[in-house]
Full PDB file with SEQRES, HELIX, SHEET, SSBOND, CRYST1, ORIGX, SCALE, CONECT and MASTER records, all heavy atoms in Angstrom:
SEQRES   1 A   43  ASN SER LEU LYS PRO GLU ASP THR ALA VAL TYR TYR CYS          
SEQRES   2 A   43  ALA ALA ASN PRO THR SER ASP THR ILE MET VAL LEU THR          
SEQRES   3 A   43  THR ALA ARG ASP TYR ASP TYR TRP GLY GLN GLY THR GLN          
SEQRES   4 A   43  VAL THR VAL SER                                              
HELIX    1 AA1 PRO A    5  ASP A    7  5                                   3    
HELIX    2 AA2 ILE A   22  VAL A   24  5                                   3    
HELIX    3 AA3 ALA A   28  ASP A   30  5                                   3    
SHEET    1 AA1 2 ALA A   9  TYR A  11  0                                        
SHEET    2 AA1 2 THR A  38  VAL A  40 -1                                        
SHEET    1 AA2 2 ALA A  14  ALA A  15  0                                        
SHEET    2 AA2 2 TYR A  33  TRP A  34 -1                                        
CRYST1    1.000    1.000    1.000  90.00  90.00  90.00 P 1           1          
ORIGX1      1.000000  0.000000  0.000000        0.00000                         
ORIGX2      0.000000  1.000000  0.000000        0.00000                         
ORIGX3      0.000000  0.000000  1.000000        0.00000                         
SCALE1      1.000000  0.000000  0.000000        0.00000                         
SCALE2      0.000000  1.000000  0.000000        0.00000                         
SCALE3      0.000000  0.000000  1.000000        0.00000                         
ATOM      1  N   ASN A   1      -8.393  11.745   2.211  1.00  0.00           N  
ATOM      2  CA  ASN A   1      -9.152  12.854   2.821  1.00  0.00           C  
ATOM      3  C   ASN A   1      -9.615  12.456   4.222  1.00  0.00           C  
ATOM      4  O   ASN A   1      -9.601  11.306   4.577  1.00  0.00           O  
ATOM      5  CB  ASN A   1     -10.338  13.188   1.951  1.00  0.00           C  
ATOM      6  CG  ASN A   1      -9.966  13.620   0.557  1.00  0.00           C  
ATOM      7  OD1 ASN A   1      -8.907  14.266   0.345  1.00  0.00           O  
ATOM      8  ND2 ASN A   1     -10.767  13.299  -0.415  1.00  0.00           N  
ATOM      9  N   SER A   2     -10.030  13.454   4.964  1.00  0.00           N  
ATOM     10  CA  SER A   2     -10.538  13.234   6.349  1.00  0.00           C  
ATOM     11  C   SER A   2      -9.600  12.311   7.142  1.00  0.00           C  
ATOM     12  O   SER A   2     -10.019  11.360   7.762  1.00  0.00           O  
ATOM     13  CB  SER A   2     -11.959  12.610   6.265  1.00  0.00           C  
ATOM     14  OG  SER A   2     -12.822  13.453   5.564  1.00  0.00           O  
ATOM     15  N   LEU A   3      -8.355  12.641   7.108  1.00  0.00           N  
ATOM     16  CA  LEU A   3      -7.354  11.792   7.750  1.00  0.00           C  
ATOM     17  C   LEU A   3      -7.546  11.741   9.267  1.00  0.00           C  
ATOM     18  O   LEU A   3      -7.940  12.736   9.887  1.00  0.00           O  
ATOM     19  CB  LEU A   3      -5.947  12.279   7.388  1.00  0.00           C  
ATOM     20  CG  LEU A   3      -5.505  11.859   5.970  1.00  0.00           C  
ATOM     21  CD1 LEU A   3      -4.306  12.714   5.514  1.00  0.00           C  
ATOM     22  CD2 LEU A   3      -5.157  10.416   5.924  1.00  0.00           C  
ATOM     23  N   LYS A   4      -7.193  10.610   9.818  1.00  0.00           N  
ATOM     24  CA  LYS A   4      -7.314  10.322  11.243  1.00  0.00           C  
ATOM     25  C   LYS A   4      -5.959   9.976  11.827  1.00  0.00           C  
ATOM     26  O   LYS A   4      -5.092   9.460  11.069  1.00  0.00           O  
ATOM     27  CB  LYS A   4      -8.293   9.200  11.473  1.00  0.00           C  
ATOM     28  CG  LYS A   4      -9.671   9.382  10.887  1.00  0.00           C  
ATOM     29  CD  LYS A   4     -10.529   8.137  11.032  1.00  0.00           C  
ATOM     30  CE  LYS A   4     -11.864   8.285  10.376  1.00  0.00           C  
ATOM     31  NZ  LYS A   4     -12.714   7.059  10.529  1.00  0.00           N  
ATOM     32  N   PRO A   5      -5.740  10.184  13.086  1.00  0.00           N  
ATOM     33  CA  PRO A   5      -4.438   9.752  13.666  1.00  0.00           C  
ATOM     34  C   PRO A   5      -4.125   8.284  13.399  1.00  0.00           C  
ATOM     35  O   PRO A   5      -2.943   7.962  13.247  1.00  0.00           O  
ATOM     36  CB  PRO A   5      -4.656  10.035  15.152  1.00  0.00           C  
ATOM     37  CG  PRO A   5      -5.611  11.186  15.182  1.00  0.00           C  
ATOM     38  CD  PRO A   5      -6.561  10.907  14.035  1.00  0.00           C  
ATOM     39  N   GLU A   6      -5.116   7.443  13.371  1.00  0.00           N  
ATOM     40  CA  GLU A   6      -4.895   6.016  13.135  1.00  0.00           C  
ATOM     41  C   GLU A   6      -4.456   5.724  11.701  1.00  0.00           C  
ATOM     42  O   GLU A   6      -4.078   4.569  11.393  1.00  0.00           O  
ATOM     43  CB  GLU A   6      -6.094   5.184  13.486  1.00  0.00           C  
ATOM     44  CG  GLU A   6      -7.383   5.649  12.868  1.00  0.00           C  
ATOM     45  CD  GLU A   6      -8.203   6.499  13.807  1.00  0.00           C  
ATOM     46  OE1 GLU A   6      -7.605   7.394  14.495  1.00  0.00           O  
ATOM     47  OE2 GLU A   6      -9.422   6.341  13.875  1.00  0.00           O  
ATOM     48  N   ASP A   7      -4.466   6.743  10.820  1.00  0.00           N  
ATOM     49  CA  ASP A   7      -3.933   6.539   9.437  1.00  0.00           C  
ATOM     50  C   ASP A   7      -2.429   6.744   9.429  1.00  0.00           C  
ATOM     51  O   ASP A   7      -1.800   6.533   8.387  1.00  0.00           O  
ATOM     52  CB  ASP A   7      -4.594   7.536   8.502  1.00  0.00           C  
ATOM     53  CG  ASP A   7      -6.054   7.300   8.299  1.00  0.00           C  
ATOM     54  OD1 ASP A   7      -6.463   6.102   8.170  1.00  0.00           O  
ATOM     55  OD2 ASP A   7      -6.820   8.272   8.260  1.00  0.00           O  
ATOM     56  N   THR A   8      -1.851   7.120  10.546  1.00  0.00           N  
ATOM     57  CA  THR A   8      -0.385   7.317  10.622  1.00  0.00           C  
ATOM     58  C   THR A   8       0.305   6.009  10.328  1.00  0.00           C  
ATOM     59  O   THR A   8       0.018   4.965  10.945  1.00  0.00           O  
ATOM     60  CB  THR A   8       0.015   7.833  12.021  1.00  0.00           C  
ATOM     61  OG1 THR A   8      -0.549   9.130  12.175  1.00  0.00           O  
ATOM     62  CG2 THR A   8       1.525   7.901  12.154  1.00  0.00           C  
ATOM     63  N   ALA A   9       1.219   6.010   9.357  1.00  0.00           N  
ATOM     64  CA  ALA A   9       1.907   4.813   8.918  1.00  0.00           C  
ATOM     65  C   ALA A   9       2.903   5.181   7.824  1.00  0.00           C  
ATOM     66  O   ALA A   9       2.881   6.317   7.313  1.00  0.00           O  
ATOM     67  CB  ALA A   9       0.915   3.791   8.403  1.00  0.00           C  
ATOM     68  N   VAL A  10       3.747   4.213   7.465  1.00  0.00           N  
ATOM     69  CA  VAL A  10       4.517   4.289   6.238  1.00  0.00           C  
ATOM     70  C   VAL A  10       3.667   3.691   5.112  1.00  0.00           C  
ATOM     71  O   VAL A  10       3.174   2.589   5.249  1.00  0.00           O  
ATOM     72  CB  VAL A  10       5.835   3.572   6.372  1.00  0.00           C  
ATOM     73  CG1 VAL A  10       6.595   3.687   5.029  1.00  0.00           C  
ATOM     74  CG2 VAL A  10       6.668   4.172   7.494  1.00  0.00           C  
ATOM     75  N   TYR A  11       3.492   4.452   4.080  1.00  0.00           N  
ATOM     76  CA  TYR A  11       2.698   3.998   2.940  1.00  0.00           C  
ATOM     77  C   TYR A  11       3.578   3.579   1.805  1.00  0.00           C  
ATOM     78  O   TYR A  11       4.533   4.266   1.437  1.00  0.00           O  
ATOM     79  CB  TYR A  11       1.756   5.138   2.495  1.00  0.00           C  
ATOM     80  CG  TYR A  11       0.588   5.332   3.409  1.00  0.00           C  
ATOM     81  CD1 TYR A  11       0.742   5.865   4.693  1.00  0.00           C  
ATOM     82  CD2 TYR A  11      -0.699   4.931   3.044  1.00  0.00           C  
ATOM     83  CE1 TYR A  11      -0.335   6.001   5.558  1.00  0.00           C  
ATOM     84  CE2 TYR A  11      -1.779   5.085   3.892  1.00  0.00           C  
ATOM     85  CZ  TYR A  11      -1.603   5.632   5.117  1.00  0.00           C  
ATOM     86  OH  TYR A  11      -2.670   5.773   5.995  1.00  0.00           O  
ATOM     87  N   TYR A  12       3.285   2.386   1.258  1.00  0.00           N  
ATOM     88  CA  TYR A  12       4.068   1.820   0.191  1.00  0.00           C  
ATOM     89  C   TYR A  12       3.214   1.604  -1.065  1.00  0.00           C  
ATOM     90  O   TYR A  12       2.041   1.176  -0.939  1.00  0.00           O  
ATOM     91  CB  TYR A  12       4.606   0.428   0.618  1.00  0.00           C  
ATOM     92  CG  TYR A  12       5.551   0.443   1.789  1.00  0.00           C  
ATOM     93  CD1 TYR A  12       5.047   0.331   3.088  1.00  0.00           C  
ATOM     94  CD2 TYR A  12       6.918   0.553   1.613  1.00  0.00           C  
ATOM     95  CE1 TYR A  12       5.901   0.319   4.162  1.00  0.00           C  
ATOM     96  CE2 TYR A  12       7.785   0.536   2.657  1.00  0.00           C  
ATOM     97  CZ  TYR A  12       7.276   0.421   3.959  1.00  0.00           C  
ATOM     98  OH  TYR A  12       8.122   0.404   5.045  1.00  0.00           O  
ATOM     99  N   CYS A  13       3.779   1.788  -2.229  1.00  0.00           N  
ATOM    100  CA  CYS A  13       3.100   1.336  -3.408  1.00  0.00           C  
ATOM    101  C   CYS A  13       3.772   0.035  -3.866  1.00  0.00           C  
ATOM    102  O   CYS A  13       4.923  -0.277  -3.537  1.00  0.00           O  
ATOM    103  CB  CYS A  13       3.150   2.388  -4.513  1.00  0.00           C  
ATOM    104  SG  CYS A  13       4.752   2.717  -5.269  1.00  0.00           S  
ATOM    105  N   ALA A  14       3.010  -0.743  -4.628  1.00  0.00           N  
ATOM    106  CA  ALA A  14       3.422  -2.072  -5.032  1.00  0.00           C  
ATOM    107  C   ALA A  14       2.881  -2.378  -6.400  1.00  0.00           C  
ATOM    108  O   ALA A  14       1.840  -1.868  -6.803  1.00  0.00           O  
ATOM    109  CB  ALA A  14       2.938  -3.114  -4.001  1.00  0.00           C  
ATOM    110  N   ALA A  15       3.581  -3.271  -7.118  1.00  0.00           N  
ATOM    111  CA  ALA A  15       3.223  -3.623  -8.474  1.00  0.00           C  
ATOM    112  C   ALA A  15       3.137  -5.107  -8.644  1.00  0.00           C  
ATOM    113  O   ALA A  15       3.972  -5.858  -8.148  1.00  0.00           O  
ATOM    114  CB  ALA A  15       4.198  -3.040  -9.482  1.00  0.00           C  
ATOM    115  N   ASN A  16       2.105  -5.528  -9.380  1.00  0.00           N  
ATOM    116  CA  ASN A  16       1.957  -6.970  -9.756  1.00  0.00           C  
ATOM    117  C   ASN A  16       1.964  -7.080 -11.241  1.00  0.00           C  
ATOM    118  O   ASN A  16       1.100  -6.532 -11.942  1.00  0.00           O  
ATOM    119  CB  ASN A  16       0.615  -7.454  -9.195  1.00  0.00           C  
ATOM    120  CG  ASN A  16       0.346  -8.924  -9.548  1.00  0.00           C  
ATOM    121  OD1 ASN A  16       0.414  -9.301 -10.734  1.00  0.00           O  
ATOM    122  ND2 ASN A  16       0.114  -9.765  -8.562  1.00  0.00           N  
ATOM    123  N   PRO A  17       2.936  -7.832 -11.789  1.00  0.00           N  
ATOM    124  CA  PRO A  17       3.100  -7.920 -13.242  1.00  0.00           C  
ATOM    125  C   PRO A  17       2.322  -9.037 -13.894  1.00  0.00           C  
ATOM    126  O   PRO A  17       2.295  -9.120 -15.145  1.00  0.00           O  
ATOM    127  CB  PRO A  17       4.583  -8.131 -13.405  1.00  0.00           C  
ATOM    128  CG  PRO A  17       4.958  -8.952 -12.199  1.00  0.00           C  
ATOM    129  CD  PRO A  17       4.082  -8.458 -11.075  1.00  0.00           C  
ATOM    130  N   THR A  18       1.700  -9.906 -13.111  1.00  0.00           N  
ATOM    131  CA  THR A  18       1.140 -11.130 -13.698  1.00  0.00           C  
ATOM    132  C   THR A  18      -0.392 -11.213 -13.627  1.00  0.00           C  
ATOM    133  O   THR A  18      -0.963 -12.050 -14.380  1.00  0.00           O  
ATOM    134  CB  THR A  18       1.734 -12.346 -12.995  1.00  0.00           C  
ATOM    135  OG1 THR A  18       1.449 -12.298 -11.619  1.00  0.00           O  
ATOM    136  CG2 THR A  18       3.238 -12.408 -13.217  1.00  0.00           C  
ATOM    137  N   SER A  19      -1.040 -10.498 -12.778  1.00  0.00           N  
ATOM    138  CA  SER A  19      -2.500 -10.599 -12.647  1.00  0.00           C  
ATOM    139  C   SER A  19      -3.139  -9.240 -12.613  1.00  0.00           C  
ATOM    140  O   SER A  19      -2.578  -8.267 -12.053  1.00  0.00           O  
ATOM    141  CB  SER A  19      -2.838 -11.358 -11.349  1.00  0.00           C  
ATOM    142  OG  SER A  19      -4.224 -11.392 -11.160  1.00  0.00           O  
ATOM    143  N   ASP A  20      -4.346  -9.157 -13.175  1.00  0.00           N  
ATOM    144  CA  ASP A  20      -5.134  -7.924 -13.133  1.00  0.00           C  
ATOM    145  C   ASP A  20      -6.404  -8.092 -12.343  1.00  0.00           C  
ATOM    146  O   ASP A  20      -7.281  -7.215 -12.361  1.00  0.00           O  
ATOM    147  CB  ASP A  20      -5.426  -7.449 -14.544  1.00  0.00           C  
ATOM    148  CG  ASP A  20      -5.608  -5.931 -14.657  1.00  0.00           C  
ATOM    149  OD1 ASP A  20      -5.011  -5.234 -13.878  1.00  0.00           O  
ATOM    150  OD2 ASP A  20      -6.396  -5.506 -15.512  1.00  0.00           O  
ATOM    151  N   THR A  21      -6.507  -9.228 -11.647  1.00  0.00           N  
ATOM    152  CA  THR A  21      -7.704  -9.516 -10.865  1.00  0.00           C  
ATOM    153  C   THR A  21      -7.523  -8.882  -9.474  1.00  0.00           C  
ATOM    154  O   THR A  21      -7.245  -9.556  -8.491  1.00  0.00           O  
ATOM    155  CB  THR A  21      -7.952 -11.019 -10.775  1.00  0.00           C  
ATOM    156  OG1 THR A  21      -7.904 -11.572 -12.091  1.00  0.00           O  
ATOM    157  CG2 THR A  21      -9.294 -11.306 -10.143  1.00  0.00           C  
ATOM    158  N   ILE A  22      -7.684  -7.622  -9.379  1.00  0.00           N  
ATOM    159  CA  ILE A  22      -7.293  -6.872  -8.201  1.00  0.00           C  
ATOM    160  C   ILE A  22      -8.108  -7.244  -6.970  1.00  0.00           C  
ATOM    161  O   ILE A  22      -7.651  -7.009  -5.867  1.00  0.00           O  
ATOM    162  CB  ILE A  22      -7.301  -5.367  -8.439  1.00  0.00           C  
ATOM    163  CG1 ILE A  22      -8.700  -4.884  -8.810  1.00  0.00           C  
ATOM    164  CG2 ILE A  22      -6.244  -4.957  -9.470  1.00  0.00           C  
ATOM    165  CD1 ILE A  22      -8.863  -3.383  -8.799  1.00  0.00           C  
ATOM    166  N   MET A  23      -9.262  -7.772  -7.179  1.00  0.00           N  
ATOM    167  CA  MET A  23     -10.122  -8.121  -6.012  1.00  0.00           C  
ATOM    168  C   MET A  23      -9.434  -9.170  -5.137  1.00  0.00           C  
ATOM    169  O   MET A  23      -9.750  -9.262  -3.957  1.00  0.00           O  
ATOM    170  CB  MET A  23     -11.463  -8.634  -6.484  1.00  0.00           C  
ATOM    171  CG  MET A  23     -12.283  -7.627  -7.239  1.00  0.00           C  
ATOM    172  SD  MET A  23     -12.828  -6.248  -6.187  1.00  0.00           S  
ATOM    173  CE  MET A  23     -14.020  -7.073  -5.170  1.00  0.00           C  
ATOM    174  N   VAL A  24      -8.552  -9.980  -5.732  1.00  0.00           N  
ATOM    175  CA  VAL A  24      -7.866 -11.004  -4.936  1.00  0.00           C  
ATOM    176  C   VAL A  24      -6.402 -10.647  -4.655  1.00  0.00           C  
ATOM    177  O   VAL A  24      -5.717 -11.423  -3.961  1.00  0.00           O  
ATOM    178  CB  VAL A  24      -7.928 -12.375  -5.633  1.00  0.00           C  
ATOM    179  CG1 VAL A  24      -9.387 -12.801  -5.796  1.00  0.00           C  
ATOM    180  CG2 VAL A  24      -7.255 -12.363  -6.966  1.00  0.00           C  
ATOM    181  N   LEU A  25      -5.985  -9.498  -5.087  1.00  0.00           N  
ATOM    182  CA  LEU A  25      -4.600  -9.080  -4.860  1.00  0.00           C  
ATOM    183  C   LEU A  25      -4.570  -8.169  -3.661  1.00  0.00           C  
ATOM    184  O   LEU A  25      -4.416  -6.934  -3.776  1.00  0.00           O  
ATOM    185  CB  LEU A  25      -4.071  -8.375  -6.096  1.00  0.00           C  
ATOM    186  CG  LEU A  25      -4.060  -9.186  -7.385  1.00  0.00           C  
ATOM    187  CD1 LEU A  25      -3.498  -8.371  -8.529  1.00  0.00           C  
ATOM    188  CD2 LEU A  25      -3.257 -10.487  -7.231  1.00  0.00           C  
ATOM    189  N   THR A  26      -4.727  -8.740  -2.484  1.00  0.00           N  
ATOM    190  CA  THR A  26      -4.902  -7.912  -1.261  1.00  0.00           C  
ATOM    191  C   THR A  26      -3.894  -8.221  -0.161  1.00  0.00           C  
ATOM    192  O   THR A  26      -4.068  -7.757   0.950  1.00  0.00           O  
ATOM    193  CB  THR A  26      -6.326  -8.064  -0.731  1.00  0.00           C  
ATOM    194  OG1 THR A  26      -6.537  -9.456  -0.411  1.00  0.00           O  
ATOM    195  CG2 THR A  26      -7.367  -7.614  -1.711  1.00  0.00           C  
ATOM    196  N   THR A  27      -2.884  -8.987  -0.450  1.00  0.00           N  
ATOM    197  CA  THR A  27      -1.852  -9.258   0.514  1.00  0.00           C  
ATOM    198  C   THR A  27      -0.514  -8.874  -0.052  1.00  0.00           C  
ATOM    199  O   THR A  27      -0.308  -8.841  -1.279  1.00  0.00           O  
ATOM    200  CB  THR A  27      -1.811 -10.733   0.951  1.00  0.00           C  
ATOM    201  OG1 THR A  27      -1.374 -11.511  -0.137  1.00  0.00           O  
ATOM    202  CG2 THR A  27      -3.198 -11.190   1.411  1.00  0.00           C  
ATOM    203  N   ALA A  28       0.428  -8.653   0.862  1.00  0.00           N  
ATOM    204  CA  ALA A  28       1.743  -8.210   0.418  1.00  0.00           C  
ATOM    205  C   ALA A  28       2.435  -9.231  -0.482  1.00  0.00           C  
ATOM    206  O   ALA A  28       3.161  -8.860  -1.433  1.00  0.00           O  
ATOM    207  CB  ALA A  28       2.631  -7.897   1.624  1.00  0.00           C  
ATOM    208  N   ARG A  29       2.178 -10.485  -0.270  1.00  0.00           N  
ATOM    209  CA  ARG A  29       2.836 -11.505  -1.070  1.00  0.00           C  
ATOM    210  C   ARG A  29       2.294 -11.558  -2.494  1.00  0.00           C  
ATOM    211  O   ARG A  29       2.867 -12.243  -3.388  1.00  0.00           O  
ATOM    212  CB  ARG A  29       2.682 -12.863  -0.428  1.00  0.00           C  
ATOM    213  CG  ARG A  29       1.283 -13.374  -0.317  1.00  0.00           C  
ATOM    214  CD  ARG A  29       1.239 -14.785   0.309  1.00  0.00           C  
ATOM    215  NE  ARG A  29      -0.094 -15.292   0.487  1.00  0.00           N  
ATOM    216  CZ  ARG A  29      -0.832 -15.096   1.561  1.00  0.00           C  
ATOM    217  NH1 ARG A  29      -0.312 -14.455   2.595  1.00  0.00           N  
ATOM    218  NH2 ARG A  29      -2.059 -15.598   1.641  1.00  0.00           N  
ATOM    219  N   ASP A  30       1.201 -10.861  -2.740  1.00  0.00           N  
ATOM    220  CA  ASP A  30       0.665 -10.834  -4.135  1.00  0.00           C  
ATOM    221  C   ASP A  30       1.425  -9.857  -5.048  1.00  0.00           C  
ATOM    222  O   ASP A  30       1.142  -9.805  -6.244  1.00  0.00           O  
ATOM    223  CB  ASP A  30      -0.798 -10.393  -4.119  1.00  0.00           C  
ATOM    224  CG  ASP A  30      -1.678 -11.410  -3.398  1.00  0.00           C  
ATOM    225  OD1 ASP A  30      -1.435 -12.640  -3.625  1.00  0.00           O  
ATOM    226  OD2 ASP A  30      -2.604 -11.013  -2.666  1.00  0.00           O  
ATOM    227  N   TYR A  31       2.331  -9.093  -4.486  1.00  0.00           N  
ATOM    228  CA  TYR A  31       3.016  -8.069  -5.248  1.00  0.00           C  
ATOM    229  C   TYR A  31       4.527  -8.323  -5.261  1.00  0.00           C  
ATOM    230  O   TYR A  31       5.122  -8.706  -4.275  1.00  0.00           O  
ATOM    231  CB  TYR A  31       2.731  -6.668  -4.651  1.00  0.00           C  
ATOM    232  CG  TYR A  31       1.255  -6.337  -4.856  1.00  0.00           C  
ATOM    233  CD1 TYR A  31       0.310  -6.770  -3.953  1.00  0.00           C  
ATOM    234  CD2 TYR A  31       0.831  -5.621  -5.967  1.00  0.00           C  
ATOM    235  CE1 TYR A  31      -1.035  -6.491  -4.172  1.00  0.00           C  
ATOM    236  CE2 TYR A  31      -0.501  -5.336  -6.179  1.00  0.00           C  
ATOM    237  CZ  TYR A  31      -1.413  -5.775  -5.246  1.00  0.00           C  
ATOM    238  OH  TYR A  31      -2.751  -5.514  -5.476  1.00  0.00           O  
ATOM    239  N   ASP A  32       5.079  -8.094  -6.435  1.00  0.00           N  
ATOM    240  CA  ASP A  32       6.505  -8.391  -6.626  1.00  0.00           C  
ATOM    241  C   ASP A  32       7.450  -7.234  -6.455  1.00  0.00           C  
ATOM    242  O   ASP A  32       8.610  -7.415  -6.144  1.00  0.00           O  
ATOM    243  CB  ASP A  32       6.709  -8.967  -8.048  1.00  0.00           C  
ATOM    244  CG  ASP A  32       5.970 -10.271  -8.267  1.00  0.00           C  
ATOM    245  OD1 ASP A  32       5.889 -11.062  -7.300  1.00  0.00           O  
ATOM    246  OD2 ASP A  32       5.471 -10.474  -9.387  1.00  0.00           O  
ATOM    247  N   TYR A  33       6.954  -6.038  -6.650  1.00  0.00           N  
ATOM    248  CA  TYR A  33       7.831  -4.870  -6.660  1.00  0.00           C  
ATOM    249  C   TYR A  33       7.254  -3.832  -5.672  1.00  0.00           C  
ATOM    250  O   TYR A  33       6.035  -3.609  -5.589  1.00  0.00           O  
ATOM    251  CB  TYR A  33       7.958  -4.244  -8.037  1.00  0.00           C  
ATOM    252  CG  TYR A  33       8.463  -5.214  -9.063  1.00  0.00           C  
ATOM    253  CD1 TYR A  33       7.607  -5.778 -10.008  1.00  0.00           C  
ATOM    254  CD2 TYR A  33       9.794  -5.626  -9.039  1.00  0.00           C  
ATOM    255  CE1 TYR A  33       8.066  -6.702 -10.933  1.00  0.00           C  
ATOM    256  CE2 TYR A  33      10.247  -6.549  -9.978  1.00  0.00           C  
ATOM    257  CZ  TYR A  33       9.388  -7.065 -10.921  1.00  0.00           C  
ATOM    258  OH  TYR A  33       9.868  -7.982 -11.823  1.00  0.00           O  
ATOM    259  N   TRP A  34       8.195  -3.187  -4.945  1.00  0.00           N  
ATOM    260  CA  TRP A  34       7.800  -2.285  -3.868  1.00  0.00           C  
ATOM    261  C   TRP A  34       8.651  -1.020  -3.935  1.00  0.00           C  
ATOM    262  O   TRP A  34       9.805  -1.053  -4.293  1.00  0.00           O  
ATOM    263  CB  TRP A  34       8.010  -2.940  -2.527  1.00  0.00           C  
ATOM    264  CG  TRP A  34       7.055  -4.078  -2.272  1.00  0.00           C  
ATOM    265  CD1 TRP A  34       7.241  -5.364  -2.671  1.00  0.00           C  
ATOM    266  CD2 TRP A  34       5.813  -4.016  -1.602  1.00  0.00           C  
ATOM    267  NE1 TRP A  34       6.147  -6.120  -2.295  1.00  0.00           N  
ATOM    268  CE2 TRP A  34       5.250  -5.335  -1.638  1.00  0.00           C  
ATOM    269  CE3 TRP A  34       5.097  -3.004  -1.014  1.00  0.00           C  
ATOM    270  CZ2 TRP A  34       4.026  -5.636  -1.065  1.00  0.00           C  
ATOM    271  CZ3 TRP A  34       3.870  -3.281  -0.430  1.00  0.00           C  
ATOM    272  CH2 TRP A  34       3.334  -4.598  -0.485  1.00  0.00           C  
ATOM    273  N   GLY A  35       8.004   0.105  -3.537  1.00  0.00           N  
ATOM    274  CA  GLY A  35       8.757   1.300  -3.294  1.00  0.00           C  
ATOM    275  C   GLY A  35       9.377   1.316  -1.918  1.00  0.00           C  
ATOM    276  O   GLY A  35       9.225   0.375  -1.139  1.00  0.00           O  
ATOM    277  N   GLN A  36      10.075   2.412  -1.607  1.00  0.00           N  
ATOM    278  CA  GLN A  36      10.769   2.537  -0.324  1.00  0.00           C  
ATOM    279  C   GLN A  36       9.847   3.012   0.796  1.00  0.00           C  
ATOM    280  O   GLN A  36      10.184   2.944   1.971  1.00  0.00           O  
ATOM    281  CB  GLN A  36      11.949   3.446  -0.465  1.00  0.00           C  
ATOM    282  CG  GLN A  36      11.660   4.943  -0.363  1.00  0.00           C  
ATOM    283  CD  GLN A  36      10.900   5.500  -1.542  1.00  0.00           C  
ATOM    284  OE1 GLN A  36      10.765   4.862  -2.583  1.00  0.00           O  
ATOM    285  NE2 GLN A  36      10.402   6.728  -1.413  1.00  0.00           N  
ATOM    286  N   GLY A  37       8.680   3.522   0.394  1.00  0.00           N  
ATOM    287  CA  GLY A  37       7.750   3.976   1.411  1.00  0.00           C  
ATOM    288  C   GLY A  37       7.804   5.492   1.657  1.00  0.00           C  
ATOM    289  O   GLY A  37       8.877   6.119   1.469  1.00  0.00           O  
ATOM    290  N   THR A  38       6.731   6.057   2.085  1.00  0.00           N  
ATOM    291  CA  THR A  38       6.651   7.454   2.443  1.00  0.00           C  
ATOM    292  C   THR A  38       5.841   7.568   3.735  1.00  0.00           C  
ATOM    293  O   THR A  38       4.798   6.972   3.885  1.00  0.00           O  
ATOM    294  CB  THR A  38       6.024   8.335   1.318  1.00  0.00           C  
ATOM    295  OG1 THR A  38       6.125   9.707   1.690  1.00  0.00           O  
ATOM    296  CG2 THR A  38       4.599   7.952   1.017  1.00  0.00           C  
ATOM    297  N   GLN A  39       6.397   8.345   4.681  1.00  0.00           N  
ATOM    298  CA  GLN A  39       5.769   8.451   6.022  1.00  0.00           C  
ATOM    299  C   GLN A  39       4.583   9.421   5.968  1.00  0.00           C  
ATOM    300  O   GLN A  39       4.715  10.553   5.492  1.00  0.00           O  
ATOM    301  CB  GLN A  39       6.802   8.931   7.040  1.00  0.00           C  
ATOM    302  CG  GLN A  39       6.250   9.158   8.419  1.00  0.00           C  
ATOM    303  CD  GLN A  39       5.886   7.872   9.161  1.00  0.00           C  
ATOM    304  OE1 GLN A  39       6.631   6.938   9.173  1.00  0.00           O  
ATOM    305  NE2 GLN A  39       4.702   7.859   9.766  1.00  0.00           N  
ATOM    306  N   VAL A  40       3.499   8.964   6.527  1.00  0.00           N  
ATOM    307  CA  VAL A  40       2.312   9.839   6.750  1.00  0.00           C  
ATOM    308  C   VAL A  40       2.073   9.893   8.247  1.00  0.00           C  
ATOM    309  O   VAL A  40       1.897   8.885   8.878  1.00  0.00           O  
ATOM    310  CB  VAL A  40       1.101   9.315   5.993  1.00  0.00           C  
ATOM    311  CG1 VAL A  40      -0.168  10.079   6.402  1.00  0.00           C  
ATOM    312  CG2 VAL A  40       1.326   9.370   4.497  1.00  0.00           C  
ATOM    313  N   THR A  41       2.028  11.100   8.805  1.00  0.00           N  
ATOM    314  CA  THR A  41       1.777  11.304  10.190  1.00  0.00           C  
ATOM    315  C   THR A  41       0.598  12.225  10.341  1.00  0.00           C  
ATOM    316  O   THR A  41       0.621  13.353   9.829  1.00  0.00           O  
ATOM    317  CB  THR A  41       3.008  11.864  10.930  1.00  0.00           C  
ATOM    318  OG1 THR A  41       4.115  10.960  10.718  1.00  0.00           O  
ATOM    319  CG2 THR A  41       2.735  12.049  12.412  1.00  0.00           C  
ATOM    320  N   VAL A  42      -0.401  11.770  11.054  1.00  0.00           N  
ATOM    321  CA  VAL A  42      -1.632  12.564  11.276  1.00  0.00           C  
ATOM    322  C   VAL A  42      -1.690  12.908  12.763  1.00  0.00           C  
ATOM    323  O   VAL A  42      -1.791  12.046  13.631  1.00  0.00           O  
ATOM    324  CB  VAL A  42      -2.870  11.817  10.855  1.00  0.00           C  
ATOM    325  CG1 VAL A  42      -4.132  12.702  10.987  1.00  0.00           C  
ATOM    326  CG2 VAL A  42      -2.737  11.298   9.426  1.00  0.00           C  
ATOM    327  N   SER A  43      -1.655  14.194  13.047  1.00  0.00           N  
ATOM    328  CA  SER A  43      -1.701  14.659  14.416  1.00  0.00           C  
ATOM    329  C   SER A  43      -3.140  14.937  14.865  1.00  0.00           C  
ATOM    330  O   SER A  43      -3.982  15.334  14.054  1.00  0.00           O  
ATOM    331  CB  SER A  43      -0.851  15.908  14.577  1.00  0.00           C  
ATOM    332  OG  SER A  43      -1.405  16.965  13.839  1.00  0.00           O  
TER     333      SER A  43                                                      
MASTER        0    0    0    3    4    0    0    6  332    1    0    4          
END                                                                             
């Protein structure tokens, strides 16, 4: 909500099969599986 132009990016979802401690799962290398991405453009 309340999208801003700086939110413009490709958005990816990711999955981690081994840990549920999400507070420390905050980098790309923490996730094993990725989608192809979806473009969000805010004018």
